[in-house]
């Protein structure tokens, strides 16, 4: 519904390319500012949609799928730690046990654990704790 200050000067709902946007409440003396905000949303809808999609694709949620079985992270504890931290994860613990580097880390609030072959550096297993 387009903005009509006679209908409701303190609230404005606008759906831009499928995204619902509610502008903040403003006094009756601020319709110019409200119209400016409406025009920005209306005229830049495709660009804003693209930015939203890019943010979703580049968010840590997308990054949480970045470590998978078969990936090569490194053959030392330091290399595996660096690779995980570069992906944005918080490493909690790394240890070598029976020729396997075991790493526990946090990805988007979830505790994850991986096993990496110490010889090849390949991820052998990924677990979501």
Protein backbone atom coordinates (compact mmCIF):
# COMPACT_ATOMS: atom_id res chain seq x y z
CA UNK A 1 0.00 0.00 0.00
CA UNK A 2 1.54 3.37 -0.96
CA UNK A 3 2.10 5.95 1.71
CA UNK A 4 -0.85 8.22 2.31
CA UNK A 5 -0.31 10.61 5.23
CA UNK A 6 -4.06 11.17 5.52
CA UNK A 7 -4.67 7.47 6.28
CA UNK A 8 -2.04 6.84 8.92
CA UNK A 9 0.77 9.33 9.33
CA UNK A 10 2.58 7.38 12.06
CA UNK A 11 2.99 4.00 10.35
CA UNK A 12 3.91 2.79 6.89
CA UNK A 13 4.17 -0.78 5.59
CA UNK A 14 5.86 -1.44 2.28
CA UNK A 15 6.51 -4.72 0.56
CA UNK A 16 9.59 -4.46 -1.64
CA UNK A 17 10.18 -7.39 -3.96
CA UNK A 18 8.84 -9.87 -1.45
CA UNK A 19 10.48 -8.32 1.61
CA UNK A 20 8.09 -6.68 4.08
CA UNK A 21 9.42 -3.45 5.51
CA UNK A 22 7.83 -1.40 8.28
CA UNK A 23 9.21 2.08 8.60
CA UNK A 24 9.61 3.44 12.12
CA UNK A 25 6.85 5.47 13.67
CA UNK A 26 7.20 9.17 12.99
CA UNK A 27 5.26 12.19 14.03
CA UNK A 28 2.82 13.85 11.68
CA UNK A 29 5.40 16.56 11.02
CA UNK A 30 7.81 14.09 9.38
CA UNK A 31 6.08 12.95 6.17
CA UNK A 32 8.95 14.23 4.00
CA UNK A 33 11.41 11.94 5.76
CA UNK A 34 9.00 9.06 5.49
CA UNK A 35 8.55 9.68 1.77
CA UNK A 36 12.34 9.78 1.33
CA UNK A 37 12.66 6.42 3.07
CA UNK A 38 9.84 4.99 0.96
CA UNK A 39 11.46 6.19 -2.26
CA UNK A 40 14.84 4.76 -1.27
CA UNK A 41 13.26 1.36 -0.64
CA UNK A 42 11.11 1.51 -3.76
CA UNK A 43 13.84 2.73 -6.14
CA UNK A 44 16.58 0.49 -4.79
CA UNK A 45 14.55 -2.69 -4.33
CA UNK A 46 16.55 -4.86 -6.78
CA UNK A 47 19.86 -3.68 -5.32
CA UNK A 48 18.66 -4.29 -1.77
CA UNK A 49 17.44 -7.75 -2.73
CA UNK A 50 20.85 -8.52 -4.24
CA UNK A 51 22.60 -7.33 -1.10
CA UNK A 52 20.33 -9.49 1.08
CA UNK A 53 21.01 -12.56 -1.06
CA UNK A 54 24.76 -11.89 -0.99
CA UNK A 55 24.69 -11.51 2.78
CA UNK A 56 22.91 -14.84 3.12
CA UNK A 57 25.37 -16.58 0.85
CA UNK A 58 28.40 -15.12 2.60
CA UNK A 59 27.08 -15.50 6.12
CA UNK A 60 28.62 -17.89 8.64
CA UNK A 61 25.64 -20.18 8.13
CA UNK A 62 26.91 -20.82 4.61
CA UNK A 63 30.43 -21.14 5.98
CA UNK A 64 29.36 -23.91 8.36
CA UNK A 65 29.07 -26.24 5.36
CA UNK A 66 32.55 -25.24 4.20
CA UNK A 67 34.33 -28.08 6.04
CA UNK A 68 33.37 -31.44 4.63
CA UNK A 69 34.77 -34.92 4.31
CA UNK A 70 37.65 -35.00 1.81
CA UNK A 71 38.72 -31.36 2.30
CA UNK A 72 42.44 -30.85 2.89
CA UNK A 73 43.15 -28.67 5.93
CA UNK A 74 46.75 -29.49 6.79
CA UNK A 75 49.02 -32.08 8.35
CA UNK A 76 49.83 -30.30 11.62
CA UNK A 77 47.75 -29.03 14.52
CA UNK A 78 48.79 -25.48 13.68
CA UNK A 79 47.78 -25.81 10.01
CA UNK A 80 44.38 -27.29 10.87
CA UNK A 81 43.77 -24.57 13.50
CA UNK A 82 44.72 -21.86 10.99
CA UNK A 83 42.46 -23.33 8.29
CA UNK A 84 39.48 -23.51 10.66
CA UNK A 85 40.04 -20.00 12.01
CA UNK A 86 40.36 -18.66 8.47
CA UNK A 87 36.87 -20.03 7.81
CA UNK A 88 35.59 -18.08 10.82
CA UNK A 89 35.35 -20.92 13.34
CA UNK A 90 36.36 -20.75 16.99
CA UNK A 91 38.71 -23.65 17.72
CA UNK A 92 38.28 -25.06 21.22
CA UNK A 93 40.69 -28.00 21.21
CA UNK A 94 43.06 -29.80 18.88
CA UNK A 95 44.97 -32.99 19.63
CA UNK A 96 46.70 -35.78 17.75
CA UNK A 97 45.57 -39.30 18.55
CA UNK A 98 46.47 -42.47 16.63
CA UNK A 99 47.71 -40.59 13.55
CA UNK A 100 44.56 -38.47 13.40
CA UNK A 101 44.24 -34.78 14.20
CA UNK A 102 41.02 -34.26 16.15
CA UNK A 103 39.66 -30.73 16.32
CA UNK A 104 36.68 -29.39 18.22
CA UNK A 105 35.32 -26.00 17.17
CA UNK A 106 32.24 -23.78 17.25
CA UNK A 107 30.41 -23.02 14.00
CA UNK A 108 27.33 -20.76 14.25
CA UNK A 109 26.79 -21.68 17.88
CA UNK A 110 27.04 -25.43 17.24
CA UNK A 111 29.86 -27.57 18.52
CA UNK A 112 31.54 -29.46 15.70
CA UNK A 113 34.28 -32.08 15.66
CA UNK A 114 36.43 -33.20 12.76
CA UNK A 115 39.08 -35.84 12.25
CA UNK A 116 41.93 -35.07 9.86
CA UNK A 117 44.46 -37.62 8.54
CA UNK A 118 47.86 -36.49 9.83
CA UNK A 119 49.66 -37.81 6.73
CA UNK A 120 47.44 -36.44 3.96
CA UNK A 121 45.68 -33.56 5.73
CA UNK A 122 42.31 -34.78 4.47
CA UNK A 123 39.18 -34.50 6.59
CA UNK A 124 38.10 -38.04 7.43
CA UNK A 125 34.98 -37.28 9.44
CA UNK A 126 32.77 -34.33 10.39
CA UNK A 127 30.46 -34.54 13.40
CA UNK A 128 27.90 -32.06 14.71
CA UNK A 129 27.89 -32.52 18.50
